[in-house]
Amino acid sequence: MMDATKRANEIPPFIVMDVLERAHELEREGRDIIHLEIGEPDFPTPGCICDAAREAIGRGETHYTHSLGLIELREAICK
């Protein structure tokens, strides 16, 4: 049986952390960086989105959608 440390060392690195570190290096050099590497916004969630999320949870809509998205949304985008 393989020990946990050896297995942990075989896990490939989370590359986004390398991208984040490079972005921080560039910021320290004075570059203006827009962070898109992690997906964590730097602003509060608008109230209307919080309200819509609470309503969706109340309706039991708590799972991922189909990988292509909701048909209603796709149709609305096409208009």
Protein backbone atom coordinates (compact mmCIF):
# COMPACT_ATOMS: atom_id res chain seq x y z
CA MET A 1 0.00 0.00 0.00
CA MET A 2 1.35 3.46 -0.98
CA ASP A 3 1.75 5.89 1.91
CA ALA A 4 -0.25 9.14 1.91
CA THR A 5 2.79 11.43 1.68
CA LYS A 6 4.06 9.73 -1.47
CA ARG A 7 0.58 9.87 -3.01
CA ALA A 8 0.21 13.54 -2.08
CA ASN A 9 3.55 14.34 -3.71
CA GLU A 10 2.33 12.74 -6.94
CA ILE A 11 -0.69 15.05 -7.24
CA PRO A 12 -0.11 17.50 -10.09
CA PRO A 13 0.20 21.15 -9.01
CA PHE A 14 -2.74 23.53 -9.14
CA ILE A 15 -1.38 25.63 -12.01
CA VAL A 16 -3.65 28.60 -11.30
CA MET A 17 -1.62 29.29 -8.16
CA ASP A 18 1.48 29.73 -10.34
CA VAL A 19 -0.46 32.19 -12.50
CA LEU A 20 -1.61 34.06 -9.38
CA GLU A 21 1.94 34.26 -8.03
CA ARG A 22 3.20 35.63 -11.37
CA ALA A 23 0.39 38.21 -11.35
CA HIS A 24 1.45 39.29 -7.85
CA GLU A 25 5.06 39.59 -9.02
CA LEU A 26 3.94 41.86 -11.87
CA GLU A 27 1.90 43.96 -9.43
CA ARG A 28 4.96 44.37 -7.20
CA GLU A 29 6.78 45.62 -10.30
CA GLY A 30 4.11 48.29 -10.70
CA ARG A 31 2.03 46.64 -13.42
CA ASP A 32 -1.75 47.09 -13.33
CA ILE A 33 -3.21 43.56 -13.30
CA ILE A 34 -6.83 42.54 -13.74
CA HIS A 35 -7.18 39.21 -11.93
CA LEU A 36 -9.14 36.61 -13.86
CA GLU A 37 -7.20 33.55 -12.72
CA ILE A 38 -9.29 32.48 -9.72
CA GLY A 39 -12.78 33.78 -10.36
CA GLU A 40 -13.16 35.61 -7.05
CA PRO A 41 -14.75 39.01 -7.67
CA ASP A 42 -13.37 42.09 -5.93
CA PHE A 43 -16.80 43.64 -5.44
CA PRO A 44 -19.89 42.66 -3.43
CA THR A 45 -22.62 40.58 -5.04
CA PRO A 46 -25.47 42.87 -6.17
CA GLY A 47 -28.62 42.53 -4.07
CA CYS A 48 -30.77 41.45 -7.02
CA ILE A 49 -28.46 38.47 -7.58
CA CYS A 50 -28.62 37.52 -3.89
CA ASP A 51 -32.42 37.75 -4.03
CA ALA A 52 -32.58 35.59 -7.17
CA ALA A 53 -30.24 33.02 -5.59
CA ARG A 54 -32.42 32.80 -2.46
CA GLU A 55 -35.52 32.35 -4.62
CA ALA A 56 -33.84 29.59 -6.66
CA ILE A 57 -32.77 27.79 -3.48
CA GLY A 58 -36.34 28.07 -2.20
CA ARG A 59 -37.55 26.36 -5.39
CA GLY A 60 -35.04 23.56 -4.89
CA GLU A 61 -32.85 24.63 -7.81
CA THR A 62 -29.60 23.64 -6.12
CA HIS A 63 -27.86 21.45 -8.71
CA TYR A 64 -25.77 22.13 -11.77
CA THR A 65 -27.68 22.70 -14.99
CA HIS A 66 -27.11 20.70 -18.16
CA SER A 67 -23.63 21.40 -19.51
CA LEU A 68 -25.15 23.37 -22.40
CA GLY A 69 -27.12 25.53 -19.97
CA LEU A 70 -30.82 26.19 -19.51
CA ILE A 71 -32.77 26.07 -22.77
CA GLU A 72 -34.80 29.13 -21.73
CA LEU A 73 -31.63 31.15 -21.21
CA ARG A 74 -30.07 29.95 -24.46
CA GLU A 75 -33.22 30.92 -26.37
CA ALA A 76 -33.30 34.36 -24.71
CA ILE A 77 -29.64 34.96 -25.59
CA CYS A 78 -30.36 34.11 -29.23
CA LYS A 79 -33.06 36.80 -29.53
